[in-house]
Amino acid sequence: MKYQLSIITVISILLISVSTGVLIIKNLTFEEYVPDWFDIEVDSSNGTNSYALIEVDEGDNNEELVITEILHTFKFTTINPAGVITWDFGDGTSATGNNINHSYLEPGYYRVTATSIDIDKIQSSAIWVSVDLIAFVESDNMECECAPTAKDTVIDLMPLTEGDTISGSVRVEHDGNSESCSLRNPLQECHLRVIIQTTENGEVIANNIIFDENFRTNEINIEFELTNLMLKEGQGVQIRLETDQIRDWHKPYTEWIMDAPII
């Protein structure tokens, strides 16, 4: 709840009594309310960025990456501004002005501070906003390790460095360039290995295999959830997809949601 500064103005009036002729001093008081607070607000305390990456292969195994990124825009406004307003968005950036729009490059939880400076006083107000992420990656076809064009499929999950949660799924579909998965004999069944890898400065330091099975369907879906990662500086998480059965040919799709940590 906001309050206003109450100023009492006292005006003295000199009066002379008609009956006695004595000088009388009469005080009249007037009370007025002068705003003495400053605040900020945002149109929404939570926003979601979206990220999509498509690997385009024109047959030379030299994929072109097509990336589409849409950042949520927060609209910050001031209440009862005075003087110059400066903003600190909690991500290393700042701005000046009464009403400001701002987007965050990374998901996370940010403290936004605005400071009002005029000739009489300096006032500050702060609020918190959170940014989540929805991501999608369409990878080029996976080929078995025995194929001359065999290659790894690695998806960078771009996690936060504070206790965040990532949940999603990997879906692989038969791409029609080899025999249907449902028609494979037991010796030629399709195979998929899904590995969650922790990296440090680009090097893999831990492997967690969450799926390593043969199958005979044209589509398979593997869900995953990572909680309380608490990664250190320079660490990251990625998904590695592998296949080692003859004639495998699948197209992977990976989707995940990243929720900002609550602090």
C-alpha atoms as a PDB file:
ATOM      1  CA  MET A   1       0.000   0.000   0.000  1.00  0.00           C
ATOM      2  CA  LYS A   2       1.345   3.419  -0.953  1.00  0.00           C
ATOM      3  CA  TYR A   3       1.175   6.511   1.230  1.00  0.00           C
ATOM      4  CA  GLN A   4       1.375  10.239   0.570  1.00  0.00           C
ATOM      5  CA  LEU A   5       3.247  12.836   2.518  1.00  0.00           C
ATOM      6  CA  SER A   6       0.828  14.999   4.544  1.00  0.00           C
ATOM      7  CA  ILE A   7       1.857  18.642   4.813  1.00  0.00           C
ATOM      8  CA  ILE A   8       0.159  20.873   7.384  1.00  0.00           C
ATOM      9  CA  THR A   9       0.144  24.562   6.503  1.00  0.00           C
ATOM     10  CA  VAL A  10      -0.576  26.986   9.367  1.00  0.00           C
ATOM     11  CA  ILE A  11      -1.792  30.507   8.581  1.00  0.00           C
ATOM     12  CA  SER A  12      -2.013  33.009  11.409  1.00  0.00           C
ATOM     13  CA  ILE A  13      -4.682  35.732  11.247  1.00  0.00           C
ATOM     14  CA  LEU A  14      -4.717  38.770  13.498  1.00  0.00           C
ATOM     15  CA  LEU A  15      -8.144  39.673  14.840  1.00  0.00           C
ATOM     16  CA  ILE A  16      -9.300  42.419  17.202  1.00  0.00           C
ATOM     17  CA  SER A  17     -12.132  41.606  19.564  1.00  0.00           C
ATOM     18  CA  VAL A  18     -15.051  43.977  19.073  1.00  0.00           C
ATOM     19  CA  SER A  19     -16.109  43.830  22.732  1.00  0.00           C
ATOM     20  CA  THR A  20     -12.743  44.080  24.467  1.00  0.00           C
ATOM     21  CA  GLY A  21     -10.468  45.549  21.844  1.00  0.00           C
ATOM     22  CA  VAL A  22      -7.930  42.835  22.637  1.00  0.00           C
ATOM     23  CA  LEU A  23      -5.701  41.584  19.825  1.00  0.00           C
ATOM     24  CA  ILE A  24      -6.422  37.921  19.059  1.00  0.00           C
ATOM     25  CA  ILE A  25      -4.234  35.616  17.019  1.00  0.00           C
ATOM     26  CA  LYS A  26      -6.225  32.927  15.216  1.00  0.00           C
ATOM     27  CA  ASN A  27      -4.422  29.979  13.567  1.00  0.00           C
ATOM     28  CA  LEU A  28      -6.051  28.402  10.529  1.00  0.00           C
ATOM     29  CA  THR A  29      -4.665  25.081   9.342  1.00  0.00           C
ATOM     30  CA  PHE A  30      -4.862  23.605   5.850  1.00  0.00           C
ATOM     31  CA  GLU A  31      -3.889  20.015   5.103  1.00  0.00           C
ATOM     32  CA  GLU A  32      -2.756  18.991   1.638  1.00  0.00           C
ATOM     33  CA  TYR A  33      -1.370  15.728   0.238  1.00  0.00           C
ATOM     34  CA  VAL A  34       1.767  15.807  -1.853  1.00  0.00           C
ATOM     35  CA  PRO A  35       2.808  12.580  -3.607  1.00  0.00           C
ATOM     36  CA  ASP A  36       5.975  11.224  -2.024  1.00  0.00           C
ATOM     37  CA  TRP A  37       6.322   7.782  -3.559  1.00  0.00           C
ATOM     38  CA  PHE A  38       7.512   6.232  -6.787  1.00  0.00           C
ATOM     39  CA  ASP A  39       6.670   2.816  -8.201  1.00  0.00           C
ATOM     40  CA  ILE A  40       6.951   0.684 -11.356  1.00  0.00           C
ATOM     41  CA  GLU A  41       4.840  -2.020 -12.936  1.00  0.00           C
ATOM     42  CA  VAL A  42       5.061  -4.482 -15.808  1.00  0.00           C
ATOM     43  CA  ASP A  43       2.376  -5.751 -18.150  1.00  0.00           C
ATOM     44  CA  SER A  44       3.208  -9.379 -17.258  1.00  0.00           C
ATOM     45  CA  SER A  45       5.634 -10.816 -14.714  1.00  0.00           C
ATOM     46  CA  ASN A  46       6.330 -13.880 -16.851  1.00  0.00           C
ATOM     47  CA  GLY A  47       7.285 -14.257 -20.503  1.00  0.00           C
ATOM     48  CA  THR A  48       8.385 -17.071 -22.822  1.00  0.00           C
ATOM     49  CA  ASN A  49      11.083 -16.948 -25.477  1.00  0.00           C
ATOM     50  CA  SER A  50      10.917 -19.358 -28.416  1.00  0.00           C
ATOM     51  CA  TYR A  51      13.827 -20.958 -30.267  1.00  0.00           C
ATOM     52  CA  ALA A  52      13.815 -23.138 -33.372  1.00  0.00           C
ATOM     53  CA  LEU A  53      16.721 -24.691 -35.260  1.00  0.00           C
ATOM     54  CA  ILE A  54      16.361 -26.553 -38.555  1.00  0.00           C
ATOM     55  CA  GLU A  55      19.245 -28.478 -40.107  1.00  0.00           C
ATOM     56  CA  VAL A  56      19.042 -28.291 -43.897  1.00  0.00           C
ATOM     57  CA  ASP A  57      21.160 -30.826 -45.815  1.00  0.00           C
ATOM     58  CA  GLU A  58      21.384 -30.518 -49.578  1.00  0.00           C
ATOM     59  CA  GLY A  59      23.030 -33.911 -49.940  1.00  0.00           C
ATOM     60  CA  ASP A  60      26.621 -32.985 -49.095  1.00  0.00           C
ATOM     61  CA  ASN A  61      26.432 -33.698 -45.342  1.00  0.00           C
ATOM     62  CA  ASN A  62      27.280 -30.042 -44.769  1.00  0.00           C
ATOM     63  CA  GLU A  63      24.130 -28.916 -42.987  1.00  0.00           C
ATOM     64  CA  GLU A  64      22.990 -25.329 -43.039  1.00  0.00           C
ATOM     65  CA  LEU A  65      21.506 -24.193 -39.739  1.00  0.00           C
ATOM     66  CA  VAL A  66      18.359 -22.080 -39.967  1.00  0.00           C
ATOM     67  CA  ILE A  67      17.646 -20.489 -36.588  1.00  0.00           C
ATOM     68  CA  THR A  68      14.501 -18.596 -35.624  1.00  0.00           C
ATOM     69  CA  GLU A  69      14.420 -16.889 -32.246  1.00  0.00           C
ATOM     70  CA  ILE A  70      11.540 -14.840 -30.835  1.00  0.00           C
ATOM     71  CA  LEU A  71      12.109 -12.955 -27.593  1.00  0.00           C
ATOM     72  CA  HIS A  72       9.274 -11.949 -25.307  1.00  0.00           C
ATOM     73  CA  THR A  73       8.953  -8.183 -24.843  1.00  0.00           C
ATOM     74  CA  PHE A  74       8.195  -6.851 -21.375  1.00  0.00           C
ATOM     75  CA  LYS A  75       6.563  -3.416 -21.082  1.00  0.00           C
ATOM     76  CA  PHE A  76       7.700  -1.527 -17.978  1.00  0.00           C
ATOM     77  CA  THR A  77       5.952   1.672 -16.850  1.00  0.00           C
ATOM     78  CA  THR A  78       6.474   4.141 -14.037  1.00  0.00           C
ATOM     79  CA  ILE A  79       3.905   5.417 -11.547  1.00  0.00           C
ATOM     80  CA  ASN A  80       4.303   8.996 -10.348  1.00  0.00           C
ATOM     81  CA  PRO A  81       7.699   9.543 -12.017  1.00  0.00           C
ATOM     82  CA  ALA A  82       9.792  12.593 -11.145  1.00  0.00           C
ATOM     83  CA  GLY A  83      12.965  13.827 -12.770  1.00  0.00           C
ATOM     84  CA  VAL A  84      15.181  11.371 -14.656  1.00  0.00           C
ATOM     85  CA  ILE A  85      14.265   7.666 -14.573  1.00  0.00           C
ATOM     86  CA  THR A  86      17.033   5.099 -15.039  1.00  0.00           C
ATOM     87  CA  TRP A  87      16.485   1.340 -15.368  1.00  0.00           C
ATOM     88  CA  ASP A  88      18.614  -1.674 -14.443  1.00  0.00           C
ATOM     89  CA  PHE A  89      17.125  -4.824 -16.025  1.00  0.00           C
ATOM     90  CA  GLY A  90      19.210  -7.328 -14.061  1.00  0.00           C
ATOM     91  CA  ASP A  91      20.921  -8.772 -17.135  1.00  0.00           C
ATOM     92  CA  GLY A  92      23.735  -6.254 -17.431  1.00  0.00           C
ATOM     93  CA  THR A  93      21.752  -3.767 -19.534  1.00  0.00           C
ATOM     94  CA  SER A  94      20.163  -0.425 -18.634  1.00  0.00           C
ATOM     95  CA  ALA A  95      18.017   2.323 -20.126  1.00  0.00           C
ATOM     96  CA  THR A  96      16.587   5.777 -19.417  1.00  0.00           C
ATOM     97  CA  GLY A  97      12.971   6.890 -19.729  1.00  0.00           C
ATOM     98  CA  ASN A  98       9.576   6.749 -18.053  1.00  0.00           C
ATOM     99  CA  ASN A  99       8.205   3.783 -20.019  1.00  0.00           C
ATOM    100  CA  ILE A 100      10.532   1.124 -21.444  1.00  0.00           C
ATOM    101  CA  ASN A 101      10.248  -2.122 -23.426  1.00  0.00           C
ATOM    102  CA  HIS A 102      12.853  -4.820 -22.818  1.00  0.00           C
ATOM    103  CA  SER A 103      13.602  -8.407 -23.921  1.00  0.00           C
ATOM    104  CA  TYR A 104      15.944 -10.972 -22.373  1.00  0.00           C
ATOM    105  CA  LEU A 105      18.281 -13.148 -24.423  1.00  0.00           C
ATOM    106  CA  GLU A 106      18.394 -15.948 -21.850  1.00  0.00           C
ATOM    107  CA  PRO A 107      15.685 -17.590 -19.761  1.00  0.00           C
ATOM    108  CA  GLY A 108      15.934 -16.867 -16.075  1.00  0.00           C
ATOM    109  CA  TYR A 109      14.665 -14.796 -13.154  1.00  0.00           C
ATOM    110  CA  TYR A 110      15.540 -11.096 -13.200  1.00  0.00           C
ATOM    111  CA  ARG A 111      15.249  -8.232 -10.716  1.00  0.00           C
ATOM    112  CA  VAL A 112      14.330  -4.985 -12.470  1.00  0.00           C
ATOM    113  CA  THR A 113      15.116  -1.723 -10.678  1.00  0.00           C
ATOM    114  CA  ALA A 114      14.095   1.815 -11.653  1.00  0.00           C
ATOM    115  CA  THR A 115      15.525   4.895  -9.979  1.00  0.00           C
ATOM    116  CA  SER A 116      13.873   8.325  -9.993  1.00  0.00           C
ATOM    117  CA  ILE A 117      16.220  11.282  -9.518  1.00  0.00           C
ATOM    118  CA  ASP A 118      15.115  14.910  -9.154  1.00  0.00           C
ATOM    119  CA  ILE A 119      16.407  17.968  -7.301  1.00  0.00           C
ATOM    120  CA  ASP A 120      14.703  17.004  -4.031  1.00  0.00           C
ATOM    121  CA  LYS A 121      15.171  13.256  -3.692  1.00  0.00           C
ATOM    122  CA  ILE A 122      16.234   9.916  -5.110  1.00  0.00           C
ATOM    123  CA  GLN A 123      13.721   7.045  -5.054  1.00  0.00           C
ATOM    124  CA  SER A 124      13.937   3.458  -6.277  1.00  0.00           C
ATOM    125  CA  SER A 125      11.476   0.668  -6.928  1.00  0.00           C
ATOM    126  CA  ALA A 126      12.062  -2.953  -7.998  1.00  0.00           C
ATOM    127  CA  ILE A 127      10.071  -5.901  -9.323  1.00  0.00           C
ATOM    128  CA  TRP A 128      10.903  -9.454 -10.461  1.00  0.00           C
ATOM    129  CA  VAL A 129      10.188 -10.988 -13.872  1.00  0.00           C
ATOM    130  CA  SER A 130      10.804 -14.529 -15.134  1.00  0.00           C
ATOM    131  CA  VAL A 131      11.603 -15.766 -18.640  1.00  0.00           C
ATOM    132  CA  ASP A 132      10.922 -19.343 -19.795  1.00  0.00           C
ATOM    133  CA  LEU A 133      11.949 -21.025 -23.045  1.00  0.00           C
ATOM    134  CA  ILE A 134      10.216 -23.251 -25.584  1.00  0.00           C
ATOM    135  CA  ALA A 135      12.658 -24.815 -28.038  1.00  0.00           C
ATOM    136  CA  PHE A 136      12.451 -27.053 -31.097  1.00  0.00           C
ATOM    137  CA  VAL A 137      15.180 -28.671 -33.206  1.00  0.00           C
ATOM    138  CA  GLU A 138      14.667 -30.571 -36.454  1.00  0.00           C
ATOM    139  CA  SER A 139      17.892 -32.456 -37.134  1.00  0.00           C
ATOM    140  CA  ASP A 140      19.125 -33.862 -40.411  1.00  0.00           C
ATOM    141  CA  ASN A 141      18.689 -37.593 -40.988  1.00  0.00           C
ATOM    142  CA  MET A 142      20.483 -40.018 -38.686  1.00  0.00           C
ATOM    143  CA  GLU A 143      22.437 -42.706 -40.487  1.00  0.00           C
ATOM    144  CA  CYS A 144      23.850 -45.879 -38.958  1.00  0.00           C
ATOM    145  CA  GLU A 145      27.503 -45.947 -37.937  1.00  0.00           C
ATOM    146  CA  CYS A 146      28.239 -48.460 -40.696  1.00  0.00           C
ATOM    147  CA  ALA A 147      27.187 -45.997 -43.415  1.00  0.00           C
ATOM    148  CA  PRO A 148      29.897 -44.059 -45.310  1.00  0.00           C
ATOM    149  CA  THR A 149      28.077 -40.822 -44.461  1.00  0.00           C
ATOM    150  CA  ALA A 150      27.475 -41.668 -40.811  1.00  0.00           C
ATOM    151  CA  LYS A 151      27.379 -38.680 -38.465  1.00  0.00           C
ATOM    152  CA  ASP A 152      26.418 -37.885 -34.917  1.00  0.00           C
ATOM    153  CA  THR A 153      23.320 -35.933 -33.950  1.00  0.00           C
ATOM    154  CA  VAL A 154      23.946 -33.588 -31.014  1.00  0.00           C
ATOM    155  CA  ILE A 155      21.389 -31.110 -29.650  1.00  0.00           C
ATOM    156  CA  ASP A 156      22.525 -28.361 -27.274  1.00  0.00           C
ATOM    157  CA  LEU A 157      19.852 -27.810 -24.609  1.00  0.00           C
ATOM    158  CA  MET A 158      21.205 -24.385 -23.609  1.00  0.00           C
ATOM    159  CA  PRO A 159      20.408 -24.767 -19.898  1.00  0.00           C
ATOM    160  CA  LEU A 160      20.540 -22.157 -17.173  1.00  0.00           C
ATOM    161  CA  THR A 161      23.287 -22.213 -14.576  1.00  0.00           C
ATOM    162  CA  GLU A 162      20.919 -22.093 -11.591  1.00  0.00           C
ATOM    163  CA  GLY A 163      18.554 -24.826 -10.405  1.00  0.00           C
ATOM    164  CA  ASP A 164      16.319 -25.020 -13.434  1.00  0.00           C
ATOM    165  CA  THR A 165      14.052 -27.680 -14.900  1.00  0.00           C
ATOM    166  CA  ILE A 166      14.161 -28.915 -18.489  1.00  0.00           C
ATOM    167  CA  SER A 167      11.512 -31.295 -19.794  1.00  0.00           C
ATOM    168  CA  GLY A 168      11.003 -32.487 -23.341  1.00  0.00           C
ATOM    169  CA  SER A 169      11.087 -35.335 -25.801  1.00  0.00           C
ATOM    170  CA  VAL A 170      13.053 -36.787 -28.692  1.00  0.00           C
ATOM    171  CA  ARG A 171      11.029 -38.191 -31.585  1.00  0.00           C
ATOM    172  CA  VAL A 172      12.560 -40.068 -34.506  1.00  0.00           C
ATOM    173  CA  GLU A 173      10.654 -40.922 -37.677  1.00  0.00           C
ATOM    174  CA  HIS A 174      11.494 -43.315 -40.476  1.00  0.00           C
ATOM    175  CA  ASP A 175      12.383 -41.124 -43.435  1.00  0.00           C
ATOM    176  CA  GLY A 176      11.399 -43.523 -46.219  1.00  0.00           C
ATOM    177  CA  ASN A 177      14.837 -43.865 -47.790  1.00  0.00           C
ATOM    178  CA  SER A 178      15.269 -47.433 -46.636  1.00  0.00           C
ATOM    179  CA  GLU A 179      13.028 -50.363 -45.797  1.00  0.00           C
ATOM    180  CA  SER A 180      10.124 -49.542 -43.472  1.00  0.00           C
ATOM    181  CA  CYS A 181      10.955 -50.160 -39.820  1.00  0.00           C
ATOM    182  CA  SER A 182       7.857 -52.337 -39.440  1.00  0.00           C
ATOM    183  CA  LEU A 183       9.166 -54.734 -42.122  1.00  0.00           C
ATOM    184  CA  ARG A 184      12.609 -55.264 -40.628  1.00  0.00           C
ATOM    185  CA  ASN A 185      13.630 -58.743 -39.572  1.00  0.00           C
ATOM    186  CA  PRO A 186      15.032 -59.211 -36.033  1.00  0.00           C
ATOM    187  CA  LEU A 187      18.621 -58.927 -37.269  1.00  0.00           C
ATOM    188  CA  GLN A 188      17.934 -55.615 -38.962  1.00  0.00           C
ATOM    189  CA  GLU A 189      15.678 -53.930 -36.433  1.00  0.00           C
ATOM    190  CA  CYS A 190      16.027 -50.205 -36.014  1.00  0.00           C
ATOM    191  CA  HIS A 191      18.103 -48.983 -33.132  1.00  0.00           C
ATOM    192  CA  LEU A 192      18.327 -45.741 -31.175  1.00  0.00           C
ATOM    193  CA  ARG A 193      20.548 -44.635 -28.323  1.00  0.00           C
ATOM    194  CA  VAL A 194      19.743 -41.382 -26.484  1.00  0.00           C
ATOM    195  CA  ILE A 195      22.415 -39.965 -24.202  1.00  0.00           C
ATOM    196  CA  ILE A 196      22.177 -36.924 -21.929  1.00  0.00           C
ATOM    197  CA  GLN A 197      25.678 -35.490 -21.753  1.00  0.00           C
ATOM    198  CA  THR A 198      27.127 -32.915 -19.394  1.00  0.00           C
ATOM    199  CA  THR A 199      29.862 -30.795 -20.918  1.00  0.00           C
ATOM    200  CA  GLU A 200      32.497 -28.498 -19.522  1.00  0.00           C
ATOM    201  CA  ASN A 201      34.193 -25.984 -21.816  1.00  0.00           C
ATOM    202  CA  GLY A 202      32.977 -28.045 -24.771  1.00  0.00           C
ATOM    203  CA  GLU A 203      34.267 -31.407 -23.491  1.00  0.00           C
ATOM    204  CA  VAL A 204      31.937 -34.227 -22.395  1.00  0.00           C
ATOM    205  CA  ILE A 205      32.439 -35.003 -18.686  1.00  0.00           C
ATOM    206  CA  ALA A 206      29.406 -37.227 -17.988  1.00  0.00           C
ATOM    207  CA  ASN A 207      27.058 -39.522 -19.931  1.00  0.00           C
ATOM    208  CA  ASN A 208      23.586 -40.656 -18.919  1.00  0.00           C
ATOM    209  CA  ILE A 209      22.007 -43.141 -21.339  1.00  0.00           C
ATOM    210  CA  ILE A 210      18.220 -42.792 -21.088  1.00  0.00           C
ATOM    211  CA  PHE A 211      17.313 -45.061 -24.038  1.00  0.00           C
ATOM    212  CA  ASP A 212      19.220 -47.834 -25.844  1.00  0.00           C
ATOM    213  CA  GLU A 213      16.885 -50.250 -27.574  1.00  0.00           C
ATOM    214  CA  ASN A 214      15.903 -51.844 -30.872  1.00  0.00           C
ATOM    215  CA  PHE A 215      12.448 -51.210 -32.302  1.00  0.00           C
ATOM    216  CA  ARG A 216      10.305 -52.040 -35.307  1.00  0.00           C
ATOM    217  CA  THR A 217       8.014 -49.045 -35.591  1.00  0.00           C
ATOM    218  CA  ASN A 218       8.296 -46.114 -37.987  1.00  0.00           C
ATOM    219  CA  GLU A 219       8.181 -43.633 -35.110  1.00  0.00           C
ATOM    220  CA  ILE A 220       9.392 -43.679 -31.533  1.00  0.00           C
ATOM    221  CA  ASN A 221       9.206 -41.042 -28.812  1.00  0.00           C
ATOM    222  CA  ILE A 222      11.500 -40.741 -25.767  1.00  0.00           C
ATOM    223  CA  GLU A 223      10.619 -38.261 -23.021  1.00  0.00           C
ATOM    224  CA  PHE A 224      13.137 -36.758 -20.614  1.00  0.00           C
ATOM    225  CA  GLU A 225      13.163 -34.456 -17.594  1.00  0.00           C
ATOM    226  CA  LEU A 226      16.156 -32.801 -15.976  1.00  0.00           C
ATOM    227  CA  THR A 227      15.733 -31.073 -12.606  1.00  0.00           C
ATOM    228  CA  ASN A 228      17.996 -29.067 -10.297  1.00  0.00           C
ATOM    229  CA  LEU A 229      20.931 -29.100 -12.685  1.00  0.00           C
ATOM    230  CA  MET A 230      22.986 -26.569 -10.685  1.00  0.00           C
ATOM    231  CA  LEU A 231      25.626 -26.307 -13.394  1.00  0.00           C
ATOM    232  CA  LYS A 232      28.923 -24.566 -12.800  1.00  0.00           C
ATOM    233  CA  GLU A 233      30.475 -21.843 -14.927  1.00  0.00           C
ATOM    234  CA  GLY A 234      31.366 -23.234 -18.356  1.00  0.00           C
ATOM    235  CA  GLN A 235      29.182 -26.338 -18.062  1.00  0.00           C
ATOM    236  CA  GLY A 236      26.278 -27.288 -20.328  1.00  0.00           C
ATOM    237  CA  VAL A 237      23.918 -30.110 -21.257  1.00  0.00           C
ATOM    238  CA  GLN A 238      23.386 -31.733 -24.631  1.00  0.00           C
ATOM    239  CA  ILE A 239      21.564 -34.731 -26.121  1.00  0.00           C
ATOM    240  CA  ARG A 240      23.476 -37.159 -28.309  1.00  0.00           C
ATOM    241  CA  LEU A 241      21.596 -39.513 -30.637  1.00  0.00           C
ATOM    242  CA  GLU A 242      23.253 -42.620 -32.038  1.00  0.00           C
ATOM    243  CA  THR A 243      22.224 -45.613 -34.131  1.00  0.00           C
ATOM    244  CA  ASP A 244      24.289 -48.645 -35.082  1.00  0.00           C
ATOM    245  CA  GLN A 245      21.899 -50.976 -36.932  1.00  0.00           C
ATOM    246  CA  ILE A 246      22.220 -51.652 -40.665  1.00  0.00           C
ATOM    247  CA  ARG A 247      20.091 -49.470 -42.965  1.00  0.00           C
ATOM    248  CA  ASP A 248      18.830 -47.174 -40.236  1.00  0.00           C
ATOM    249  CA  TRP A 249      17.618 -43.866 -41.624  1.00  0.00           C
ATOM    250  CA  HIS A 250      15.640 -41.646 -39.278  1.00  0.00           C
ATOM    251  CA  LYS A 251      14.830 -37.974 -38.889  1.00  0.00           C
ATOM    252  CA  PRO A 252      15.019 -36.675 -35.285  1.00  0.00           C
ATOM    253  CA  TYR A 253      12.864 -33.950 -33.756  1.00  0.00           C
ATOM    254  CA  THR A 254      13.693 -32.622 -30.301  1.00  0.00           C
ATOM    255  CA  GLU A 255      11.469 -30.347 -28.243  1.00  0.00           C
ATOM    256  CA  TRP A 256      11.925 -29.027 -24.738  1.00  0.00           C
ATOM    257  CA  ILE A 257      10.595 -26.499 -22.255  1.00  0.00           C
ATOM    258  CA  MET A 258      12.824 -24.670 -19.819  1.00  0.00           C
ATOM    259  CA  ASP A 259      11.214 -23.068 -16.767  1.00  0.00           C
ATOM    260  CA  ALA A 260      13.044 -20.289 -14.988  1.00  0.00           C
ATOM    261  CA  PRO A 261      14.029 -21.203 -11.424  1.00  0.00           C
ATOM    262  CA  ILE A 262      11.913 -19.793  -8.613  1.00  0.00           C
ATOM    263  CA  ILE A 263      14.095 -17.967  -6.118  1.00  0.00           C
END
